[in-house]
Amino acid sequence: MNISVQITKENKDGSADAVVKFDKEGLEVLVQWGIVAILTKAIDEYRVRPEEDSASIIKRARAVAEEETIVAKKAIKGKIKK
């Protein structure tokens, strides 16, 4: 398995631009851990709270999904800066 990260530029705000290279096994590991992270976050985000009704749960779930979609689109375009 091979996964490597090379910092190509350090930004003033403390973030960095990087190139991630991986082989087939590395891709499998990254995808597996990505799915685990997504499911873990979903369990936390969508946990039913005693004071919530189903409409507010659905509203909260949609808001999180929209936010994650925006982040994913930026990541695909290489525009994420943290």
N, C-alpha and C. Protein backbone atom coordinates (compact mmCIF):
# COMPACT_ATOMS: atom_id res chain seq x y z
N MET A 1 0.84 -1.17 0.00
CA MET A 1 0.00 0.00 0.00
C MET A 1 0.89 1.24 0.00
N ASN A 2 0.48 2.22 -0.78
CA ASN A 2 1.26 3.45 -0.84
C ASN A 2 0.31 4.65 -0.83
N ILE A 3 0.49 5.51 0.16
CA ILE A 3 -0.22 6.79 0.22
C ILE A 3 0.83 7.83 0.57
N SER A 4 0.94 8.87 -0.25
CA SER A 4 1.90 9.92 0.07
C SER A 4 1.25 11.28 -0.13
N VAL A 5 1.65 12.22 0.71
CA VAL A 5 1.14 13.59 0.65
C VAL A 5 2.34 14.51 0.50
N GLN A 6 2.30 15.36 -0.51
CA GLN A 6 3.38 16.31 -0.72
C GLN A 6 2.79 17.73 -0.66
N ILE A 7 3.29 18.52 0.28
CA ILE A 7 2.86 19.92 0.39
C ILE A 7 3.49 20.68 -0.77
N THR A 8 2.65 21.33 -1.57
CA THR A 8 3.17 22.08 -2.72
C THR A 8 3.23 23.58 -2.44
N LYS A 9 2.43 24.03 -1.49
CA LYS A 9 2.42 25.46 -1.17
C LYS A 9 1.85 25.65 0.22
N GLU A 10 2.53 26.47 1.03
CA GLU A 10 2.00 26.83 2.34
C GLU A 10 1.40 28.22 2.22
N ASN A 11 0.17 28.35 2.67
CA ASN A 11 -0.55 29.62 2.54
C ASN A 11 -0.43 30.46 3.81
N LYS A 12 -0.63 31.75 3.66
CA LYS A 12 -0.49 32.69 4.79
C LYS A 12 -1.46 32.38 5.93
N ASP A 13 -2.63 31.83 5.59
CA ASP A 13 -3.63 31.57 6.61
C ASP A 13 -3.38 30.28 7.40
N GLY A 14 -2.25 29.61 7.11
CA GLY A 14 -1.91 28.38 7.82
C GLY A 14 -2.32 27.12 7.09
N SER A 15 -3.13 27.25 6.05
CA SER A 15 -3.51 26.08 5.27
C SER A 15 -2.40 25.77 4.27
N ALA A 16 -2.57 24.69 3.53
CA ALA A 16 -1.56 24.31 2.54
C ALA A 16 -2.24 23.64 1.35
N ASP A 17 -1.61 23.75 0.21
CA ASP A 17 -2.01 23.01 -0.97
C ASP A 17 -1.16 21.76 -1.01
N ALA A 18 -1.77 20.64 -1.37
CA ALA A 18 -1.02 19.38 -1.35
C ALA A 18 -1.43 18.48 -2.50
N VAL A 19 -0.54 17.58 -2.83
CA VAL A 19 -0.80 16.55 -3.82
C VAL A 19 -0.79 15.21 -3.08
N VAL A 20 -1.87 14.45 -3.26
CA VAL A 20 -1.96 13.14 -2.61
C VAL A 20 -1.84 12.08 -3.70
N LYS A 21 -0.89 11.17 -3.52
CA LYS A 21 -0.70 10.08 -4.47
C LYS A 21 -0.93 8.76 -3.74
N PHE A 22 -1.55 7.81 -4.45
CA PHE A 22 -1.84 6.53 -3.83
C PHE A 22 -1.97 5.46 -4.89
N ASP A 23 -1.71 4.22 -4.48
CA ASP A 23 -1.92 3.08 -5.37
C ASP A 23 -3.32 2.52 -5.11
N LYS A 24 -3.63 1.39 -5.75
CA LYS A 24 -4.96 0.80 -5.63
C LYS A 24 -5.31 0.46 -4.17
N GLU A 25 -4.37 -0.15 -3.46
CA GLU A 25 -4.61 -0.48 -2.05
C GLU A 25 -4.80 0.78 -1.21
N GLY A 26 -4.00 1.80 -1.50
CA GLY A 26 -4.14 3.07 -0.79
C GLY A 26 -5.50 3.69 -1.02
N LEU A 27 -5.97 3.62 -2.26
CA LEU A 27 -7.31 4.14 -2.58
C LEU A 27 -8.37 3.39 -1.78
N GLU A 28 -8.25 2.07 -1.70
CA GLU A 28 -9.21 1.28 -0.93
C GLU A 28 -9.24 1.71 0.53
N VAL A 29 -8.07 1.92 1.12
CA VAL A 29 -8.00 2.34 2.52
C VAL A 29 -8.61 3.73 2.69
N LEU A 30 -8.27 4.66 1.81
CA LEU A 30 -8.82 6.01 1.90
C LEU A 30 -10.34 6.00 1.78
N VAL A 31 -10.86 5.21 0.85
CA VAL A 31 -12.31 5.13 0.68
C VAL A 31 -12.96 4.49 1.90
N GLN A 32 -12.39 3.39 2.40
CA GLN A 32 -12.95 2.72 3.57
C GLN A 32 -13.01 3.67 4.77
N TRP A 33 -11.90 4.35 5.05
CA TRP A 33 -11.87 5.26 6.19
C TRP A 33 -12.75 6.48 5.95
N GLY A 34 -12.87 6.91 4.71
CA GLY A 34 -13.78 8.01 4.39
C GLY A 34 -15.22 7.63 4.68
N ILE A 35 -15.59 6.41 4.30
CA ILE A 35 -16.96 5.95 4.57
C ILE A 35 -17.20 5.84 6.07
N VAL A 36 -16.23 5.30 6.80
CA VAL A 36 -16.37 5.21 8.26
C VAL A 36 -16.56 6.61 8.86
N ALA A 37 -15.77 7.57 8.40
CA ALA A 37 -15.89 8.94 8.92
C ALA A 37 -17.25 9.54 8.62
N ILE A 38 -17.74 9.32 7.40
CA ILE A 38 -19.06 9.84 7.01
C ILE A 38 -20.16 9.22 7.86
N LEU A 39 -20.10 7.90 8.04
CA LEU A 39 -21.12 7.23 8.85
C LEU A 39 -21.07 7.67 10.30
N THR A 40 -19.87 7.83 10.84
CA THR A 40 -19.73 8.29 12.22
C THR A 40 -20.33 9.68 12.39
N LYS A 41 -20.03 10.57 11.45
CA LYS A 41 -20.59 11.92 11.51
C LYS A 41 -22.11 11.89 11.37
N ALA A 42 -22.61 11.04 10.47
CA ALA A 42 -24.05 10.94 10.26
C ALA A 42 -24.76 10.46 11.52
N ILE A 43 -24.17 9.49 12.20
CA ILE A 43 -24.78 8.98 13.44
C ILE A 43 -24.90 10.11 14.45
N ASP A 44 -23.86 10.92 14.59
CA ASP A 44 -23.89 12.06 15.50
C ASP A 44 -24.90 13.11 15.06
N GLU A 45 -24.86 13.47 13.78
CA GLU A 45 -25.71 14.54 13.27
C GLU A 45 -27.19 14.18 13.29
N TYR A 46 -27.51 12.93 12.95
CA TYR A 46 -28.90 12.55 12.78
C TYR A 46 -29.51 11.85 13.99
N ARG A 47 -28.74 11.78 15.07
CA ARG A 47 -29.26 11.18 16.30
C ARG A 47 -30.52 11.94 16.73
N VAL A 48 -31.56 11.21 17.02
CA VAL A 48 -32.82 11.84 17.41
C VAL A 48 -32.66 12.45 18.80
N ARG A 49 -33.01 13.70 18.88
CA ARG A 49 -32.96 14.40 20.16
C ARG A 49 -34.38 14.44 20.73
N PRO A 50 -34.54 14.28 22.02
CA PRO A 50 -35.89 14.19 22.60
C PRO A 50 -36.81 15.35 22.25
N GLU A 51 -36.26 16.54 22.09
CA GLU A 51 -37.10 17.72 21.84
C GLU A 51 -37.47 17.91 20.37
N GLU A 52 -36.96 17.06 19.48
CA GLU A 52 -37.19 17.25 18.05
C GLU A 52 -38.35 16.41 17.53
N ASP A 53 -39.06 16.99 16.57
CA ASP A 53 -40.06 16.21 15.85
C ASP A 53 -39.45 15.80 14.50
N SER A 54 -40.15 14.99 13.74
CA SER A 54 -39.58 14.46 12.50
C SER A 54 -39.30 15.56 11.48
N ALA A 55 -40.10 16.61 11.43
CA ALA A 55 -39.87 17.69 10.47
C ALA A 55 -38.56 18.41 10.76
N SER A 56 -38.23 18.65 12.02
CA SER A 56 -36.98 19.35 12.34
C SER A 56 -35.77 18.44 12.10
N ILE A 57 -35.94 17.14 12.28
CA ILE A 57 -34.85 16.20 11.99
C ILE A 57 -34.55 16.21 10.50
N ILE A 58 -35.60 16.17 9.68
CA ILE A 58 -35.43 16.19 8.22
C ILE A 58 -34.79 17.50 7.79
N LYS A 59 -35.22 18.61 8.36
CA LYS A 59 -34.65 19.92 8.02
C LYS A 59 -33.17 19.96 8.37
N ARG A 60 -32.81 19.45 9.55
CA ARG A 60 -31.40 19.43 9.98
C ARG A 60 -30.58 18.52 9.07
N ALA A 61 -31.12 17.37 8.70
CA ALA A 61 -30.41 16.44 7.82
C ALA A 61 -30.16 17.05 6.45
N ARG A 62 -31.15 17.75 5.92
CA ARG A 62 -30.99 18.40 4.61
C ARG A 62 -29.92 19.49 4.67
N ALA A 63 -29.90 20.26 5.74
CA ALA A 63 -28.92 21.33 5.87
C ALA A 63 -27.50 20.75 5.91
N VAL A 64 -27.32 19.68 6.64
CA VAL A 64 -26.00 19.03 6.71
C VAL A 64 -25.62 18.47 5.35
N ALA A 65 -26.55 17.83 4.67
CA ALA A 65 -26.28 17.25 3.35
C ALA A 65 -25.89 18.34 2.35
N GLU A 66 -26.59 19.46 2.38
CA GLU A 66 -26.26 20.57 1.47
C GLU A 66 -24.87 21.11 1.76
N GLU A 67 -24.54 21.27 3.03
CA GLU A 67 -23.21 21.76 3.42
C GLU A 67 -22.12 20.80 2.96
N GLU A 68 -22.33 19.51 3.16
CA GLU A 68 -21.34 18.52 2.75
C GLU A 68 -21.18 18.46 1.24
N THR A 69 -22.27 18.68 0.51
CA THR A 69 -22.22 18.69 -0.95
C THR A 69 -21.37 19.86 -1.44
N ILE A 70 -21.55 21.02 -0.82
CA ILE A 70 -20.76 22.19 -1.20
C ILE A 70 -19.27 21.94 -0.93
N VAL A 71 -18.96 21.37 0.23
CA VAL A 71 -17.57 21.06 0.58
C VAL A 71 -16.98 20.06 -0.42
N ALA A 72 -17.75 19.03 -0.76
CA ALA A 72 -17.26 18.01 -1.70
C ALA A 72 -17.00 18.62 -3.07
N LYS A 73 -17.89 19.49 -3.54
CA LYS A 73 -17.69 20.12 -4.85
C LYS A 73 -16.43 20.99 -4.85
N LYS A 74 -16.20 21.72 -3.77
CA LYS A 74 -14.99 22.53 -3.67
C LYS A 74 -13.74 21.66 -3.64
N ALA A 75 -13.84 20.53 -2.93
CA ALA A 75 -12.69 19.63 -2.85
C ALA A 75 -12.34 19.07 -4.23
N ILE A 76 -13.38 18.72 -4.98
CA ILE A 76 -13.17 18.18 -6.32
C ILE A 76 -12.48 19.22 -7.20
N LYS A 77 -12.86 20.47 -7.03
CA LYS A 77 -12.27 21.55 -7.82
C LYS A 77 -10.95 22.03 -7.25
N GLY A 78 -10.54 21.48 -6.10
CA GLY A 78 -9.27 21.86 -5.48
C GLY A 78 -9.31 23.22 -4.83
N LYS A 79 -10.49 23.61 -4.33
CA LYS A 79 -10.63 24.95 -3.79
C LYS A 79 -10.81 24.99 -2.28
N ILE A 80 -10.60 23.89 -1.59
CA ILE A 80 -10.81 23.90 -0.14
C ILE A 80 -9.63 24.56 0.54
N LYS A 81 -9.95 25.50 1.42
CA LYS A 81 -8.95 26.16 2.24
C LYS A 81 -9.46 26.17 3.66
N LYS A 82 -8.70 25.61 4.55
CA LYS A 82 -9.14 25.60 5.96
C LYS A 82 -8.25 26.48 6.77
